[in-house]
Amino acid sequence: MPDPDFPPSYHALQEPNGLLAIGGDLSPQRLLRAYSRGIFPWFSAGEPVLWWSPDPRAILIPSEFKISKSLSKSMKNKNYKLTINSDFESVMAACAATRKKQDGTWIVPEMMAAYGVLHELGFAHSIEVWLNGDLAGGLYGVSLGRVFFGESMFSQERDSSKTALAGLAWLGRMGYFDLIDCQVESDHLTSLGARTMDRPAFEKLLADAITGDMDRVYQIVENGESEAGEAPGWCGALPHGAVDLLEALR
């Protein structure tokens, strides 16, 4: 697919790691072009849109997801329930909320609007974790083919975001995803089984795994198609209860 928006990823800066391009908009066409090449936006309020392709890349292979004793205990003892795409907007809003030791958020209103459009098109998704009817945690991201690009997650209750990630890993183990993109390495993600991969290897794995959705991506990018997309089949496959999910992961 011709891509006038982004230079080759090897042009990305080493410091700051992965900065590839500045400017442009957050249209679904540009976002889908970006994600199909492993590029993602990340910027703060008042900045132009910054586009990133870090090297190395943090990834999680679903079969390598780690369930700690504390997470296992939370999933067993908490009455968590899981859903997919039942409240995408609230999950994004919760992820955008300013947290302790954090001056602001990169999930600015423009990002919320843009990913809301991707959600309507069937490419952006959320996993919600509920406790007694209240939203306790969750995550959201973008899926293309057999890749889920994780964007952000939040917790209001112990291990609730980890429970959402456990749900995503289980979907991967069921064959829906080969790869969960975690973008940038962190101790938190490493403790859950994430590891790094050099950019060329990541891009090869990505190109092989996203083919199932690329015909529709072409239609949106080249023809401006904007009809709502159908939910992928995996959206109805997740165990509803955390206890059932824990048993399925063992």
Protein backbone atom coordinates (compact mmCIF):
# COMPACT_ATOMS: atom_id res chain seq x y z
CA MET A 1 0.00 0.00 0.00
CA PRO A 2 1.55 3.34 -0.98
CA ASP A 3 2.23 5.36 2.14
CA PRO A 4 3.08 9.03 1.65
CA ASP A 5 2.57 9.81 5.34
CA PHE A 6 5.45 7.98 7.00
CA PRO A 7 9.12 7.50 6.16
CA PRO A 8 10.78 4.07 6.49
CA SER A 9 11.00 3.05 10.13
CA TYR A 10 14.81 2.96 10.06
CA HIS A 11 14.66 6.76 9.95
CA ALA A 12 13.22 6.78 13.49
CA LEU A 13 15.37 8.56 16.05
CA GLN A 14 17.38 6.71 18.65
CA GLU A 15 16.77 9.55 21.11
CA PRO A 16 13.95 9.89 21.85
CA ASN A 17 13.70 6.24 20.93
CA GLY A 18 11.39 5.67 17.99
CA LEU A 19 10.25 9.17 17.07
CA LEU A 20 9.54 8.82 13.35
CA ALA A 21 7.28 11.68 12.22
CA ILE A 22 5.63 14.86 13.47
CA GLY A 23 2.32 16.32 12.39
CA GLY A 24 -0.67 15.20 10.41
CA ASP A 25 -4.07 14.28 11.76
CA LEU A 26 -5.71 11.36 13.51
CA SER A 27 -8.04 10.36 10.69
CA PRO A 28 -8.91 6.66 10.51
CA GLN A 29 -7.07 6.48 7.19
CA ARG A 30 -3.83 7.75 8.71
CA LEU A 31 -4.20 5.69 11.88
CA LEU A 32 -4.79 2.47 9.95
CA ARG A 33 -1.82 3.15 7.70
CA ALA A 34 0.25 3.73 10.81
CA TYR A 35 -0.82 0.61 12.69
CA SER A 36 -0.38 -1.58 9.61
CA ARG A 37 3.30 -0.59 9.78
CA GLY A 38 3.66 -0.78 13.56
CA ILE A 39 3.58 3.00 14.03
CA PHE A 40 1.47 4.61 16.75
CA PRO A 41 0.66 8.17 17.91
CA TRP A 42 1.72 9.38 21.34
CA PHE A 43 1.77 13.04 22.30
CA SER A 44 0.69 15.47 25.00
CA ALA A 45 -1.78 18.34 24.96
CA GLY A 46 -0.42 21.33 23.07
CA GLU A 47 1.97 19.24 20.98
CA PRO A 48 1.62 18.27 17.32
CA VAL A 49 0.85 14.61 16.71
CA LEU A 50 4.01 12.56 17.28
CA TRP A 51 4.37 9.17 15.57
CA TRP A 52 6.56 6.42 17.02
CA SER A 53 8.24 3.17 15.99
CA PRO A 54 10.54 2.22 18.89
CA ASP A 55 13.39 -0.26 18.68
CA PRO A 56 13.35 -2.60 20.47
CA ARG A 57 9.62 -3.20 20.66
CA ALA A 58 7.82 -4.58 23.71
CA ILE A 59 5.56 -7.49 22.81
CA LEU A 60 3.61 -10.19 24.60
CA ILE A 61 3.21 -13.62 23.02
CA PRO A 62 -0.11 -14.93 24.44
CA SER A 63 1.35 -18.31 25.43
CA GLU A 64 4.00 -16.48 27.53
CA PHE A 65 1.54 -14.54 29.70
CA LYS A 66 2.42 -15.06 33.37
CA ILE A 67 -0.15 -15.44 36.12
CA SER A 68 1.41 -14.57 39.48
CA LYS A 69 0.14 -15.98 42.75
CA SER A 70 -1.39 -12.60 43.63
CA LEU A 71 -3.17 -12.32 40.28
CA SER A 72 -4.43 -15.88 40.57
CA LYS A 73 -5.76 -15.09 44.04
CA SER A 74 -7.53 -11.94 42.84
CA MET A 75 -9.11 -13.72 39.87
CA LYS A 76 -10.25 -16.53 42.14
CA ASN A 77 -11.57 -14.46 45.04
CA LYS A 78 -12.84 -11.29 43.40
CA ASN A 79 -16.22 -11.55 41.72
CA TYR A 80 -14.92 -9.99 38.53
CA LYS A 81 -16.95 -10.21 35.34
CA LEU A 82 -15.53 -9.52 31.88
CA THR A 83 -17.08 -8.06 28.75
CA ILE A 84 -15.80 -6.87 25.40
CA ASN A 85 -16.85 -3.58 23.80
CA SER A 86 -19.69 -2.99 26.23
CA ASP A 87 -18.42 0.46 27.31
CA PHE A 88 -15.51 1.52 25.10
CA GLU A 89 -15.96 5.23 25.84
CA SER A 90 -15.82 4.76 29.62
CA VAL A 91 -12.71 2.61 29.38
CA MET A 92 -10.93 5.28 27.34
CA ALA A 93 -12.06 7.98 29.76
CA ALA A 94 -10.78 5.99 32.73
CA CYS A 95 -7.44 5.38 31.00
CA ALA A 96 -7.21 9.13 30.30
CA ALA A 97 -7.77 10.13 33.93
CA THR A 98 -4.68 11.67 35.54
CA ARG A 99 -2.97 9.22 37.89
CA LYS A 100 -0.66 9.54 40.87
CA LYS A 101 2.85 10.81 39.99
CA GLN A 102 1.55 11.85 36.57
CA ASP A 103 1.28 15.48 35.49
CA GLY A 104 -1.13 14.94 32.62
CA THR A 105 -2.38 12.45 30.08
CA TRP A 106 -1.47 11.63 26.51
CA ILE A 107 -5.04 10.45 25.88
CA VAL A 108 -6.18 13.92 24.90
CA PRO A 109 -9.69 14.67 23.57
CA GLU A 110 -8.48 14.34 19.96
CA MET A 111 -7.24 10.83 20.71
CA MET A 112 -10.52 9.86 22.36
CA ALA A 113 -12.48 11.07 19.35
CA ALA A 114 -10.17 9.36 16.86
CA TYR A 115 -10.24 5.98 18.58
CA GLY A 116 -13.99 6.31 18.99
CA VAL A 117 -14.19 6.40 15.18
CA LEU A 118 -11.91 3.36 14.92
CA HIS A 119 -14.21 1.61 17.39
CA GLU A 120 -17.22 2.34 15.20
CA LEU A 121 -15.32 1.00 12.19
CA GLY A 122 -14.61 -2.24 14.06
CA PHE A 123 -10.87 -1.82 14.66
CA ALA A 124 -10.63 -0.44 18.22
CA HIS A 125 -11.87 -2.55 21.12
CA SER A 126 -12.10 -2.58 24.88
CA ILE A 127 -12.14 -5.29 27.51
CA GLU A 128 -14.06 -4.30 30.62
CA VAL A 129 -13.72 -5.80 34.08
CA TRP A 130 -16.73 -5.31 36.36
CA LEU A 131 -17.19 -5.68 40.11
CA ASN A 132 -20.74 -5.64 41.47
CA GLY A 133 -21.95 -3.84 38.37
CA ASP A 134 -19.29 -1.10 38.46
CA LEU A 135 -16.43 -0.69 36.00
CA ALA A 136 -13.37 -1.81 37.97
CA GLY A 137 -10.71 -1.93 35.28
CA GLY A 138 -10.01 -2.61 31.65
CA LEU A 139 -7.94 -1.96 28.58
CA TYR A 140 -8.38 -0.77 25.02
CA GLY A 141 -6.44 -1.03 21.80
CA VAL A 142 -6.55 -1.67 18.08
CA SER A 143 -6.77 -5.02 16.34
CA LEU A 144 -5.64 -5.85 12.83
CA GLY A 145 -5.71 -9.45 11.73
CA ARG A 146 -4.14 -11.54 14.47
CA VAL A 147 -2.43 -8.63 16.23
CA PHE A 148 -3.80 -6.62 19.14
CA PHE A 149 -2.06 -3.28 19.67
CA GLY A 150 -2.51 -2.46 23.33
CA GLU A 151 -2.91 1.25 24.01
CA SER A 152 -3.70 1.69 27.69
CA MET A 153 -5.27 0.02 30.70
CA PHE A 154 -6.53 1.10 34.10
CA SER A 155 -7.41 -0.32 37.51
CA GLN A 156 -9.85 0.79 40.14
CA GLU A 157 -9.62 -2.53 42.00
CA ARG A 158 -6.71 -4.86 42.73
CA ASP A 159 -5.42 -6.65 39.61
CA SER A 160 -8.43 -5.63 37.53
CA SER A 161 -6.35 -4.39 34.57
CA LYS A 162 -4.21 -7.53 34.79
CA THR A 163 -7.42 -9.56 34.64
CA ALA A 164 -8.36 -7.73 31.43
CA LEU A 165 -4.92 -8.52 30.00
CA ALA A 166 -5.36 -12.14 31.06
CA GLY A 167 -8.55 -12.17 29.01
CA LEU A 168 -6.68 -10.82 25.99
CA ALA A 169 -3.94 -13.42 26.43
CA TRP A 170 -6.55 -16.18 26.61
CA LEU A 171 -8.05 -14.99 23.32
CA GLY A 172 -4.56 -15.25 21.88
CA ARG A 173 -4.14 -18.77 23.16
CA MET A 174 -7.42 -19.66 21.48
CA GLY A 175 -5.86 -18.65 18.14
CA TYR A 176 -7.38 -15.20 17.67
CA PHE A 177 -4.09 -13.32 18.20
CA ASP A 178 -0.48 -14.24 17.52
CA LEU A 179 0.87 -11.12 19.14
CA ILE A 180 -0.05 -8.42 21.66
CA ASP A 181 1.89 -5.23 20.99
CA CYS A 182 2.91 -3.53 24.25
CA GLN A 183 4.84 -0.74 22.48
CA VAL A 184 7.42 0.21 25.14
CA GLU A 185 9.11 -1.98 27.75
CA SER A 186 8.17 -1.54 31.42
CA ASP A 187 8.78 -3.53 34.61
CA HIS A 188 5.03 -3.97 35.00
CA LEU A 189 4.58 -5.54 31.57
CA THR A 190 7.75 -7.62 31.90
CA SER A 191 6.38 -9.14 35.11
CA LEU A 192 3.39 -10.33 33.09
CA GLY A 193 5.50 -12.03 30.43
CA ALA A 194 6.23 -9.24 27.95
CA ARG A 195 9.64 -9.13 26.29
CA THR A 196 11.38 -7.08 23.66
CA MET A 197 11.95 -7.78 19.99
CA ASP A 198 14.05 -5.81 17.55
CA ARG A 199 12.16 -3.65 15.09
CA PRO A 200 12.87 -5.65 11.89
CA ALA A 201 11.70 -8.90 13.52
CA PHE A 202 8.60 -7.18 14.87
CA GLU A 203 7.74 -5.69 11.49
CA LYS A 204 8.09 -9.07 9.77
CA LEU A 205 5.88 -10.75 12.35
CA LEU A 206 3.39 -7.90 12.02
CA ALA A 207 3.22 -8.08 8.22
CA ASP A 208 2.49 -11.81 8.36
CA ALA A 209 -0.19 -11.48 11.04
CA ILE A 210 -2.35 -8.58 9.80
CA THR A 211 -3.21 -9.89 6.33
CA GLY A 212 -6.72 -10.94 7.33
CA ASP A 213 -7.89 -7.33 7.73
CA MET A 214 -5.88 -5.60 5.02
CA ASP A 215 -8.54 -5.72 2.29
CA ARG A 216 -10.86 -3.62 4.45
CA VAL A 217 -8.00 -1.35 5.46
CA TYR A 218 -7.33 -0.71 1.76
CA GLN A 219 -11.01 0.14 1.24
CA ILE A 220 -10.98 2.66 4.07
CA VAL A 221 -7.63 4.20 3.18
CA GLU A 222 -8.06 4.36 -0.58
CA ASN A 223 -11.82 4.74 -0.96
CA GLY A 224 -12.74 6.53 2.25
CA GLU A 225 -15.23 3.85 3.29
CA SER A 226 -16.79 4.80 6.61
CA GLU A 227 -19.50 2.21 7.26
CA ALA A 228 -19.57 0.66 10.71
CA GLY A 229 -17.66 -2.58 10.86
CA GLU A 230 -18.81 -5.92 12.20
CA ALA A 231 -17.39 -7.07 15.51
CA PRO A 232 -14.70 -9.74 15.09
CA GLY A 233 -15.63 -13.25 16.11
CA TRP A 234 -13.38 -13.16 19.16
CA CYS A 235 -15.57 -10.47 20.73
CA GLY A 236 -18.03 -13.16 21.82
CA ALA A 237 -15.49 -15.76 22.88
CA LEU A 238 -14.23 -14.51 26.25
CA PRO A 239 -15.26 -16.33 29.45
CA HIS A 240 -17.59 -14.03 31.38
CA GLY A 241 -16.26 -14.75 34.87
CA ALA A 242 -12.69 -14.30 36.09
CA VAL A 243 -12.81 -17.70 37.83
CA ASP A 244 -13.72 -19.41 34.56
CA LEU A 245 -11.00 -17.43 32.79
CA LEU A 246 -8.42 -18.50 35.38
CA GLU A 247 -9.36 -22.16 34.93
CA ALA A 248 -9.17 -21.80 31.15
CA LEU A 249 -5.66 -20.32 31.38
CA ARG A 250 -4.27 -23.14 33.53
